[in-house]
Amino acid sequence: MKQLSTGLHKICFSVIIPTYHRNDLLAKCLDRLAPGVQILSAALYEVIVTDDGYQTTAEKMIRDRYPWVKWVVGLRKGPAANRNNGTRYAKGEWLVFTDDDCLPSASWLLNFAEAITPDRDVYEGKTTCNAGIRSPLEHAPINLTGGYLWSCNMMIRVSLFHNLGGFDENFPYPHMEDVDLRERIKLNGCLIKFVDNAVIDHPPQKNPLGYQLGAMHESEFYYWYQKKHQQLSASYLLISVIKGRLRLILKCPKNRVTILAIYQLIIEFIYVIMNANKWKKKYRIKC
């Protein structure tokens, strides 16, 4: 891989960034990917922003401040479709995914490049949250030891990605589509390599509201019924939701935010109870 940084003069890596009405966060991400900021030669990578915005877009900001970035219109069908859309414009042999609220380290792309071996077509980097989760109303997809393949920090050979059909665009909410891709990769017999020094920091973001969190669980029913051909127990789902949220609530300082977090958890809980049977009927198949 030494030739990547010294000899080749063609695009090897296509960085795909889906965005949606978050120009301020996107700008911070692009600042970290600029030629000269990334250690990897700018001749070896391209950055594609695929934009699902409809009230505003990032087109003007990118044209004025980031002329080295390719901006394309998204399909407005959610993040899975938006990521797939970005890959259609890719010129590289490798697709590298991150999100518009992430902060890549300067050596992110170089360390991915130097980790490539002939027996691996899929790589995941380390995702940190340096600021920490400061509130039970925040979240961040932390991945310090591998095994998750979060879509905010991963690389896959373009031919494999397309052979697998990309991200499944049928998930009803932006939830579980990267889990689904990971499992399809494994079923295809591909091994995933964790690259400890391909680091992206993911600052904490606010959780959706309780009913929005509840609605996102429909994606879990779709995954288990349509993908795994197994039934998902609503009680098991509810217990796992409560455990995860309560664990975080108990770790955080007790104040008004804690009360709000408990209220949102109750709303999420009620939403799942009210809709679980409907989701079962919608996605049930004969196993």
C-alpha atoms as a PDB file:
ATOM      1  CA  MET A   1       0.000   0.000   0.000  1.00  0.00           C
ATOM      2  CA  LYS A   2       3.007   2.369   0.137  1.00  0.00           C
ATOM      3  CA  GLN A   3       2.473   3.149  -3.547  1.00  0.00           C
ATOM      4  CA  LEU A   4      -0.877   4.747  -2.692  1.00  0.00           C
ATOM      5  CA  SER A   5       0.796   7.710  -1.083  1.00  0.00           C
ATOM      6  CA  THR A   6       3.774   7.956  -3.416  1.00  0.00           C
ATOM      7  CA  GLY A   7       3.172   6.611  -6.904  1.00  0.00           C
ATOM      8  CA  LEU A   8      -0.422   6.360  -8.080  1.00  0.00           C
ATOM      9  CA  HIS A   9      -2.242   9.340  -9.533  1.00  0.00           C
ATOM     10  CA  LYS A  10      -5.809   8.184  -9.833  1.00  0.00           C
ATOM     11  CA  ILE A  11      -8.854   8.226  -7.599  1.00  0.00           C
ATOM     12  CA  CYS A  12      -8.853   5.132  -5.407  1.00  0.00           C
ATOM     13  CA  PHE A  13     -11.264   6.188  -2.663  1.00  0.00           C
ATOM     14  CA  SER A  14     -14.713   7.761  -2.985  1.00  0.00           C
ATOM     15  CA  VAL A  15     -15.922   9.319   0.269  1.00  0.00           C
ATOM     16  CA  ILE A  16     -19.735   9.341   0.385  1.00  0.00           C
ATOM     17  CA  ILE A  17     -21.443  11.808   2.744  1.00  0.00           C
ATOM     18  CA  PRO A  18     -25.264  11.927   2.922  1.00  0.00           C
ATOM     19  CA  THR A  19     -26.620  15.218   4.237  1.00  0.00           C
ATOM     20  CA  TYR A  20     -29.978  16.718   5.132  1.00  0.00           C
ATOM     21  CA  HIS A  21     -30.408  20.334   6.305  1.00  0.00           C
ATOM     22  CA  ARG A  22     -27.224  20.373   8.406  1.00  0.00           C
ATOM     23  CA  ASN A  23     -24.853  22.691   6.558  1.00  0.00           C
ATOM     24  CA  ASP A  24     -23.144  23.848   9.753  1.00  0.00           C
ATOM     25  CA  LEU A  25     -22.196  20.303  10.724  1.00  0.00           C
ATOM     26  CA  LEU A  26     -21.378  19.324   7.139  1.00  0.00           C
ATOM     27  CA  ALA A  27     -18.922  22.226   6.879  1.00  0.00           C
ATOM     28  CA  LYS A  28     -17.002  20.980   9.930  1.00  0.00           C
ATOM     29  CA  CYS A  29     -16.813  17.518   8.374  1.00  0.00           C
ATOM     30  CA  LEU A  30     -15.623  18.833   4.999  1.00  0.00           C
ATOM     31  CA  ASP A  31     -12.980  20.993   6.675  1.00  0.00           C
ATOM     32  CA  ARG A  32     -11.434  17.744   7.974  1.00  0.00           C
ATOM     33  CA  LEU A  33     -11.464  16.159   4.504  1.00  0.00           C
ATOM     34  CA  ALA A  34      -9.868  19.039   2.611  1.00  0.00           C
ATOM     35  CA  PRO A  35      -6.786  18.445   0.443  1.00  0.00           C
ATOM     36  CA  GLY A  36      -3.756  19.121   2.601  1.00  0.00           C
ATOM     37  CA  VAL A  37      -5.698  18.419   5.784  1.00  0.00           C
ATOM     38  CA  GLN A  38      -6.061  14.730   5.040  1.00  0.00           C
ATOM     39  CA  ILE A  39      -2.587  13.196   4.925  1.00  0.00           C
ATOM     40  CA  LEU A  40      -3.522  10.975   1.984  1.00  0.00           C
ATOM     41  CA  SER A  41      -2.729  12.617  -1.340  1.00  0.00           C
ATOM     42  CA  ALA A  42      -5.700  14.568  -2.690  1.00  0.00           C
ATOM     43  CA  ALA A  43      -5.126  12.881  -6.056  1.00  0.00           C
ATOM     44  CA  LEU A  44      -6.189   9.564  -4.553  1.00  0.00           C
ATOM     45  CA  TYR A  45      -9.625  10.443  -3.197  1.00  0.00           C
ATOM     46  CA  GLU A  46     -12.808  12.286  -4.019  1.00  0.00           C
ATOM     47  CA  VAL A  47     -15.608  13.526  -1.764  1.00  0.00           C
ATOM     48  CA  ILE A  48     -19.235  13.221  -2.840  1.00  0.00           C
ATOM     49  CA  VAL A  49     -21.990  14.947  -0.870  1.00  0.00           C
ATOM     50  CA  THR A  50     -25.414  13.556  -1.688  1.00  0.00           C
ATOM     51  CA  ASP A  51     -28.030  16.022  -0.489  1.00  0.00           C
ATOM     52  CA  ASP A  52     -31.590  15.124   0.534  1.00  0.00           C
ATOM     53  CA  GLY A  53     -32.441  18.703   1.512  1.00  0.00           C
ATOM     54  CA  TYR A  54     -35.583  20.325   0.145  1.00  0.00           C
ATOM     55  CA  GLN A  55     -36.023  23.495   2.240  1.00  0.00           C
ATOM     56  CA  THR A  56     -32.368  24.361   1.731  1.00  0.00           C
ATOM     57  CA  THR A  57     -29.402  22.506   0.264  1.00  0.00           C
ATOM     58  CA  ALA A  58     -25.621  22.576   0.616  1.00  0.00           C
ATOM     59  CA  GLU A  59     -25.066  23.292  -3.088  1.00  0.00           C
ATOM     60  CA  LYS A  60     -24.133  26.969  -2.765  1.00  0.00           C
ATOM     61  CA  MET A  61     -21.972  26.443   0.317  1.00  0.00           C
ATOM     62  CA  ILE A  62     -20.043  23.682  -1.437  1.00  0.00           C
ATOM     63  CA  ARG A  63     -19.674  25.658  -4.645  1.00  0.00           C
ATOM     64  CA  ASP A  64     -18.354  28.706  -2.751  1.00  0.00           C
ATOM     65  CA  ARG A  65     -16.228  27.066  -0.046  1.00  0.00           C
ATOM     66  CA  TYR A  66     -15.482  23.501  -1.141  1.00  0.00           C
ATOM     67  CA  PRO A  67     -15.002  23.455  -4.940  1.00  0.00           C
ATOM     68  CA  TRP A  68     -13.132  20.127  -4.648  1.00  0.00           C
ATOM     69  CA  VAL A  69     -16.338  18.416  -3.429  1.00  0.00           C
ATOM     70  CA  LYS A  70     -18.890  16.925  -5.835  1.00  0.00           C
ATOM     71  CA  TRP A  71     -22.443  17.865  -4.798  1.00  0.00           C
ATOM     72  CA  VAL A  72     -25.348  15.744  -6.086  1.00  0.00           C
ATOM     73  CA  VAL A  73     -29.093  15.820  -5.515  1.00  0.00           C
ATOM     74  CA  GLY A  74     -30.401  13.052  -3.271  1.00  0.00           C
ATOM     75  CA  LEU A  75     -33.499  10.942  -3.854  1.00  0.00           C
ATOM     76  CA  ARG A  76     -35.307  12.201  -0.728  1.00  0.00           C
ATOM     77  CA  LYS A  77     -36.133   8.649   0.296  1.00  0.00           C
ATOM     78  CA  GLY A  78     -34.075   8.497   3.496  1.00  0.00           C
ATOM     79  CA  PRO A  79     -30.387   7.953   4.344  1.00  0.00           C
ATOM     80  CA  ALA A  80     -30.083   4.432   2.890  1.00  0.00           C
ATOM     81  CA  ALA A  81     -31.253   5.618  -0.531  1.00  0.00           C
ATOM     82  CA  ASN A  82     -29.160   8.749  -0.174  1.00  0.00           C
ATOM     83  CA  ARG A  83     -25.978   6.739   0.436  1.00  0.00           C
ATOM     84  CA  ASN A  84     -26.760   4.464  -2.507  1.00  0.00           C
ATOM     85  CA  ASN A  85     -27.321   7.540  -4.640  1.00  0.00           C
ATOM     86  CA  GLY A  86     -23.864   8.888  -3.821  1.00  0.00           C
ATOM     87  CA  THR A  87     -22.208   5.648  -4.912  1.00  0.00           C
ATOM     88  CA  ARG A  88     -23.602   6.041  -8.430  1.00  0.00           C
ATOM     89  CA  TYR A  89     -21.239   8.971  -8.963  1.00  0.00           C
ATOM     90  CA  ALA A  90     -18.192   7.288  -7.436  1.00  0.00           C
ATOM     91  CA  LYS A  91     -15.019   6.833  -9.494  1.00  0.00           C
ATOM     92  CA  GLY A  92     -12.970   5.027  -6.861  1.00  0.00           C
ATOM     93  CA  GLU A  93     -12.354   1.330  -6.298  1.00  0.00           C
ATOM     94  CA  TRP A  94     -13.302   1.782  -2.650  1.00  0.00           C
ATOM     95  CA  LEU A  95     -16.378   3.412  -1.130  1.00  0.00           C
ATOM     96  CA  VAL A  96     -15.726   5.152   2.182  1.00  0.00           C
ATOM     97  CA  PHE A  97     -18.814   6.187   4.149  1.00  0.00           C
ATOM     98  CA  THR A  98     -19.169   8.811   6.824  1.00  0.00           C
ATOM     99  CA  ASP A  99     -21.941  11.162   7.991  1.00  0.00           C
ATOM    100  CA  ASP A 100     -22.293  14.922   7.867  1.00  0.00           C
ATOM    101  CA  ASP A 101     -22.019  15.239  11.671  1.00  0.00           C
ATOM    102  CA  CYS A 102     -18.686  13.371  11.902  1.00  0.00           C
ATOM    103  CA  LEU A 103     -15.137  14.658  12.288  1.00  0.00           C
ATOM    104  CA  PRO A 104     -12.550  12.513  10.461  1.00  0.00           C
ATOM    105  CA  SER A 105      -9.003  12.488  11.781  1.00  0.00           C
ATOM    106  CA  ALA A 106      -6.236  13.763   9.486  1.00  0.00           C
ATOM    107  CA  SER A 107      -4.925  10.239   8.915  1.00  0.00           C
ATOM    108  CA  TRP A 108      -8.364   8.640   8.472  1.00  0.00           C
ATOM    109  CA  LEU A 109      -8.113   7.890   4.756  1.00  0.00           C
ATOM    110  CA  LEU A 110      -4.396   7.094   4.808  1.00  0.00           C
ATOM    111  CA  ASN A 111      -4.871   4.548   7.588  1.00  0.00           C
ATOM    112  CA  PHE A 112      -7.723   2.889   5.711  1.00  0.00           C
ATOM    113  CA  ALA A 113      -5.538   2.782   2.599  1.00  0.00           C
ATOM    114  CA  GLU A 114      -2.587   1.245   4.417  1.00  0.00           C
ATOM    115  CA  ALA A 115      -4.809  -1.374   6.072  1.00  0.00           C
ATOM    116  CA  ILE A 116      -5.908  -2.925   2.776  1.00  0.00           C
ATOM    117  CA  THR A 117      -4.949  -6.568   2.314  1.00  0.00           C
ATOM    118  CA  PRO A 118      -5.820  -8.966  -0.541  1.00  0.00           C
ATOM    119  CA  ASP A 119      -8.113 -11.085   1.649  1.00  0.00           C
ATOM    120  CA  ARG A 120     -10.403  -8.265   2.864  1.00  0.00           C
ATOM    121  CA  ASP A 121     -13.022  -6.259   0.993  1.00  0.00           C
ATOM    122  CA  VAL A 122     -14.682  -4.561   3.996  1.00  0.00           C
ATOM    123  CA  TYR A 123     -13.142  -2.381   6.707  1.00  0.00           C
ATOM    124  CA  GLU A 124     -14.529  -0.506   9.703  1.00  0.00           C
ATOM    125  CA  GLY A 125     -12.816   2.307  11.556  1.00  0.00           C
ATOM    126  CA  LYS A 126     -12.864   3.405  15.172  1.00  0.00           C
ATOM    127  CA  THR A 127     -15.664   5.819  16.089  1.00  0.00           C
ATOM    128  CA  THR A 128     -15.164   7.885  19.219  1.00  0.00           C
ATOM    129  CA  CYS A 129     -17.239  10.457  21.086  1.00  0.00           C
ATOM    130  CA  ASN A 130     -14.600  12.653  22.687  1.00  0.00           C
ATOM    131  CA  ALA A 131     -17.141  15.008  24.237  1.00  0.00           C
ATOM    132  CA  GLY A 132     -18.896  12.095  25.919  1.00  0.00           C
ATOM    133  CA  ILE A 133     -22.614  11.513  26.334  1.00  0.00           C
ATOM    134  CA  ARG A 134     -23.495  14.316  28.721  1.00  0.00           C
ATOM    135  CA  SER A 135     -27.235  13.838  28.841  1.00  0.00           C
ATOM    136  CA  PRO A 136     -29.747  10.955  28.638  1.00  0.00           C
ATOM    137  CA  LEU A 137     -31.248  12.888  25.739  1.00  0.00           C
ATOM    138  CA  GLU A 138     -28.100  12.438  23.623  1.00  0.00           C
ATOM    139  CA  HIS A 139     -26.632   9.608  21.584  1.00  0.00           C
ATOM    140  CA  ALA A 140     -23.553   8.744  19.523  1.00  0.00           C
ATOM    141  CA  PRO A 141     -22.640   5.530  17.630  1.00  0.00           C
ATOM    142  CA  ILE A 142     -19.421   4.703  19.485  1.00  0.00           C
ATOM    143  CA  ASN A 143     -17.314   1.819  18.127  1.00  0.00           C
ATOM    144  CA  LEU A 144     -13.976   1.354  19.890  1.00  0.00           C
ATOM    145  CA  THR A 145     -13.222  -2.307  19.234  1.00  0.00           C
ATOM    146  CA  GLY A 146     -15.082  -3.249  16.043  1.00  0.00           C
ATOM    147  CA  GLY A 147     -17.932  -5.588  15.262  1.00  0.00           C
ATOM    148  CA  TYR A 148     -20.563  -2.995  14.373  1.00  0.00           C
ATOM    149  CA  LEU A 149     -19.734  -1.650  10.887  1.00  0.00           C
ATOM    150  CA  TRP A 150     -21.596   1.606  11.533  1.00  0.00           C
ATOM    151  CA  SER A 151     -22.204   3.473   8.289  1.00  0.00           C
ATOM    152  CA  CYS A 152     -20.499   6.581   9.705  1.00  0.00           C
ATOM    153  CA  ASN A 153     -17.058   4.957   9.451  1.00  0.00           C
ATOM    154  CA  MET A 154     -16.632   2.100   7.016  1.00  0.00           C
ATOM    155  CA  MET A 155     -14.993   1.219   3.706  1.00  0.00           C
ATOM    156  CA  ILE A 156     -16.061  -1.417   1.177  1.00  0.00           C
ATOM    157  CA  ARG A 157     -14.871  -2.413  -2.270  1.00  0.00           C
ATOM    158  CA  VAL A 158     -17.261  -0.888  -4.787  1.00  0.00           C
ATOM    159  CA  SER A 159     -17.803  -4.153  -6.689  1.00  0.00           C
ATOM    160  CA  LEU A 160     -18.867  -5.995  -3.527  1.00  0.00           C
ATOM    161  CA  PHE A 161     -21.160  -3.170  -2.483  1.00  0.00           C
ATOM    162  CA  HIS A 162     -23.027  -3.251  -5.772  1.00  0.00           C
ATOM    163  CA  ASN A 163     -23.095  -7.056  -5.870  1.00  0.00           C
ATOM    164  CA  LEU A 164     -24.827  -6.974  -2.481  1.00  0.00           C
ATOM    165  CA  GLY A 165     -27.348  -4.413  -3.713  1.00  0.00           C
ATOM    166  CA  GLY A 166     -26.095  -1.622  -1.460  1.00  0.00           C
ATOM    167  CA  PHE A 167     -28.089  -0.445   1.535  1.00  0.00           C
ATOM    168  CA  ASP A 168     -31.664  -1.743   1.677  1.00  0.00           C
ATOM    169  CA  GLU A 169     -33.872   1.258   0.928  1.00  0.00           C
ATOM    170  CA  ASN A 170     -37.038  -0.449   2.217  1.00  0.00           C
ATOM    171  CA  PHE A 171     -36.390   0.140   5.909  1.00  0.00           C
ATOM    172  CA  PRO A 172     -39.249   2.403   7.003  1.00  0.00           C
ATOM    173  CA  TYR A 173     -37.015   4.559   9.239  1.00  0.00           C
ATOM    174  CA  PRO A 174     -33.270   5.386   9.382  1.00  0.00           C
ATOM    175  CA  HIS A 175     -32.483   2.505  11.703  1.00  0.00           C
ATOM    176  CA  MET A 176     -30.982  -0.988  11.203  1.00  0.00           C
ATOM    177  CA  GLU A 177     -29.977  -0.533   7.561  1.00  0.00           C
ATOM    178  CA  ASP A 178     -26.270  -0.703   8.420  1.00  0.00           C
ATOM    179  CA  VAL A 179     -26.878  -3.756  10.633  1.00  0.00           C
ATOM    180  CA  ASP A 180     -28.608  -5.385   7.672  1.00  0.00           C
ATOM    181  CA  LEU A 181     -25.680  -4.606   5.350  1.00  0.00           C
ATOM    182  CA  ARG A 182     -23.231  -6.025   7.887  1.00  0.00           C
ATOM    183  CA  GLU A 183     -25.170  -9.280   8.135  1.00  0.00           C
ATOM    184  CA  ARG A 184     -25.448  -9.625   4.350  1.00  0.00           C
ATOM    185  CA  ILE A 185     -21.692  -9.096   4.085  1.00  0.00           C
ATOM    186  CA  LYS A 186     -21.134 -11.919   6.565  1.00  0.00           C
ATOM    187  CA  LEU A 187     -23.581 -14.193   4.768  1.00  0.00           C
ATOM    188  CA  ASN A 188     -21.592 -13.564   1.607  1.00  0.00           C
ATOM    189  CA  GLY A 189     -18.564 -15.047   3.356  1.00  0.00           C
ATOM    190  CA  CYS A 190     -16.660 -11.772   3.637  1.00  0.00           C
ATOM    191  CA  LEU A 191     -14.546 -10.958   6.672  1.00  0.00           C
ATOM    192  CA  ILE A 192     -14.557  -7.437   8.115  1.00  0.00           C
ATOM    193  CA  LYS A 193     -11.281  -5.901   9.272  1.00  0.00           C
ATOM    194  CA  PHE A 194     -11.261  -3.389  12.124  1.00  0.00           C
ATOM    195  CA  VAL A 195      -8.818  -0.522  11.546  1.00  0.00           C
ATOM    196  CA  ASP A 196      -8.033   0.878  14.980  1.00  0.00           C
ATOM    197  CA  ASN A 197      -6.294   4.011  13.694  1.00  0.00           C
ATOM    198  CA  ALA A 198      -8.895   4.992  11.067  1.00  0.00           C
ATOM    199  CA  VAL A 199     -10.583   7.300  13.545  1.00  0.00           C
ATOM    200  CA  ILE A 200     -13.675   9.442  13.259  1.00  0.00           C
ATOM    201  CA  ASP A 201     -15.095  11.436  16.138  1.00  0.00           C
ATOM    202  CA  HIS A 202     -18.879  11.585  16.387  1.00  0.00           C
ATOM    203  CA  PRO A 203     -19.994  14.441  18.656  1.00  0.00           C
ATOM    204  CA  PRO A 204     -23.162  13.645  20.625  1.00  0.00           C
ATOM    205  CA  GLN A 205     -26.445  14.567  18.977  1.00  0.00           C
ATOM    206  CA  LYS A 206     -29.888  15.084  20.486  1.00  0.00           C
ATOM    207  CA  ASN A 207     -32.212  12.089  20.466  1.00  0.00           C
ATOM    208  CA  PRO A 208     -35.436  12.303  18.480  1.00  0.00           C
ATOM    209  CA  LEU A 209     -38.591  12.803  20.527  1.00  0.00           C
ATOM    210  CA  GLY A 210     -40.167   9.819  22.290  1.00  0.00           C
ATOM    211  CA  TYR A 211     -42.781   9.099  19.626  1.00  0.00           C
ATOM    212  CA  GLN A 212     -40.105   9.383  16.922  1.00  0.00           C
ATOM    213  CA  LEU A 213     -37.894   6.908  18.767  1.00  0.00           C
ATOM    214  CA  GLY A 214     -40.908   4.626  19.092  1.00  0.00           C
ATOM    215  CA  ALA A 215     -41.642   4.830  15.373  1.00  0.00           C
ATOM    216  CA  MET A 216     -38.064   3.872  14.508  1.00  0.00           C
ATOM    217  CA  HIS A 217     -38.594   0.458  16.101  1.00  0.00           C
ATOM    218  CA  GLU A 218     -40.721  -0.468  13.099  1.00  0.00           C
ATOM    219  CA  SER A 219     -37.407  -0.968  11.298  1.00  0.00           C
ATOM    220  CA  GLU A 220     -36.570  -3.734  13.769  1.00  0.00           C
ATOM    221  CA  PHE A 221     -39.767  -5.582  12.904  1.00  0.00           C
ATOM    222  CA  TYR A 222     -38.952  -5.236   9.219  1.00  0.00           C
ATOM    223  CA  TYR A 223     -35.442  -6.570   9.824  1.00  0.00           C
ATOM    224  CA  TRP A 224     -36.460  -9.612  11.894  1.00  0.00           C
ATOM    225  CA  TYR A 225     -39.511 -10.617   9.838  1.00  0.00           C
ATOM    226  CA  GLN A 226     -38.247  -9.846   6.340  1.00  0.00           C
ATOM    227  CA  LYS A 227     -34.538 -10.502   6.766  1.00  0.00           C
ATOM    228  CA  LYS A 228     -34.143 -13.061   9.527  1.00  0.00           C
ATOM    229  CA  HIS A 229     -37.477 -14.809   8.906  1.00  0.00           C
ATOM    230  CA  GLN A 230     -37.987 -14.772  12.667  1.00  0.00           C
ATOM    231  CA  GLN A 231     -40.621 -13.208  14.844  1.00  0.00           C
ATOM    232  CA  LEU A 232     -39.636 -10.327  17.099  1.00  0.00           C
ATOM    233  CA  SER A 233     -41.147 -10.395  20.552  1.00  0.00           C
ATOM    234  CA  ALA A 234     -42.585  -7.001  21.423  1.00  0.00           C
ATOM    235  CA  SER A 235     -41.924  -7.679  25.111  1.00  0.00           C
ATOM    236  CA  TYR A 236     -38.266  -8.456  24.368  1.00  0.00           C
ATOM    237  CA  LEU A 237     -37.984  -5.245  22.366  1.00  0.00           C
ATOM    238  CA  LEU A 238     -39.557  -3.204  25.144  1.00  0.00           C
ATOM    239  CA  ILE A 239     -37.284  -4.683  27.790  1.00  0.00           C
ATOM    240  CA  SER A 240     -34.198  -3.990  25.688  1.00  0.00           C
ATOM    241  CA  VAL A 241     -35.361  -0.403  25.090  1.00  0.00           C
ATOM    242  CA  ILE A 242     -35.990   0.210  28.776  1.00  0.00           C
ATOM    243  CA  LYS A 243     -32.702  -1.335  29.856  1.00  0.00           C
ATOM    244  CA  GLY A 244     -30.645   0.694  27.428  1.00  0.00           C
ATOM    245  CA  ARG A 245     -32.331   4.017  28.151  1.00  0.00           C
ATOM    246  CA  LEU A 246     -32.485   3.515  31.925  1.00  0.00           C
ATOM    247  CA  ARG A 247     -28.809   2.558  32.058  1.00  0.00           C
ATOM    248  CA  LEU A 248     -27.905   5.889  30.484  1.00  0.00           C
ATOM    249  CA  ILE A 249     -30.387   7.855  32.607  1.00  0.00           C
ATOM    250  CA  LEU A 250     -28.928   6.399  35.800  1.00  0.00           C
ATOM    251  CA  LYS A 251     -25.399   7.327  34.740  1.00  0.00           C
ATOM    252  CA  CYS A 252     -26.248  10.993  34.158  1.00  0.00           C
ATOM    253  CA  PRO A 253     -26.735  13.730  36.789  1.00  0.00           C
ATOM    254  CA  LYS A 254     -30.263  13.825  38.224  1.00  0.00           C
ATOM    255  CA  ASN A 255     -32.021  17.017  37.167  1.00  0.00           C
ATOM    256  CA  ARG A 256     -34.891  18.272  35.003  1.00  0.00           C
ATOM    257  CA  VAL A 257     -33.307  16.670  31.950  1.00  0.00           C
ATOM    258  CA  THR A 258     -33.537  13.304  33.708  1.00  0.00           C
ATOM    259  CA  ILE A 259     -37.281  13.788  34.226  1.00  0.00           C
ATOM    260  CA  LEU A 260     -37.694  14.738  30.564  1.00  0.00           C
ATOM    261  CA  ALA A 261     -35.710  11.667  29.506  1.00  0.00           C
ATOM    262  CA  ILE A 262     -37.959   9.399  31.587  1.00  0.00           C
ATOM    263  CA  TYR A 263     -41.026  11.071  30.064  1.00  0.00           C
ATOM    264  CA  GLN A 264     -39.678  10.508  26.536  1.00  0.00           C
ATOM    265  CA  LEU A 265     -38.945   6.868  27.419  1.00  0.00           C
ATOM    266  CA  ILE A 266     -42.557   6.400  28.541  1.00  0.00           C
ATOM    267  CA  ILE A 267     -43.804   7.908  25.251  1.00  0.00           C
ATOM    268  CA  GLU A 268     -41.483   5.603  23.279  1.00  0.00           C
ATOM    269  CA  PHE A 269     -42.685   2.618  25.314  1.00  0.00           C
ATOM    270  CA  ILE A 270     -46.367   3.450  24.725  1.00  0.00           C
ATOM    271  CA  TYR A 271     -45.793   3.975  21.003  1.00  0.00           C
ATOM    272  CA  VAL A 272     -44.286   0.495  20.622  1.00  0.00           C
ATOM    273  CA  ILE A 273     -47.121  -1.108  22.621  1.00  0.00           C
ATOM    274  CA  MET A 274     -49.743   0.606  20.469  1.00  0.00           C
ATOM    275  CA  ASN A 275     -48.111  -0.318  17.143  1.00  0.00           C
ATOM    276  CA  ALA A 276     -46.380  -3.685  17.665  1.00  0.00           C
ATOM    277  CA  ASN A 277     -49.320  -5.798  16.478  1.00  0.00           C
ATOM    278  CA  LYS A 278     -49.757  -3.636  13.408  1.00  0.00           C
ATOM    279  CA  TRP A 279     -46.070  -4.046  12.554  1.00  0.00           C
ATOM    280  CA  LYS A 280     -46.312  -7.798  13.042  1.00  0.00           C
ATOM    281  CA  LYS A 281     -49.202  -8.036  10.587  1.00  0.00           C
ATOM    282  CA  LYS A 282     -47.433  -5.764   8.125  1.00  0.00           C
ATOM    283  CA  TYR A 283     -44.191  -7.740   8.002  1.00  0.00           C
ATOM    284  CA  ARG A 284     -45.190 -11.259   9.026  1.00  0.00           C
ATOM    285  CA  ILE A 285     -44.110 -13.969   6.601  1.00  0.00           C
ATOM    286  CA  LYS A 286     -44.284 -17.746   6.696  1.00  0.00           C
ATOM    287  CA  CYS A 287     -41.038 -18.927   8.260  1.00  0.00           C
END
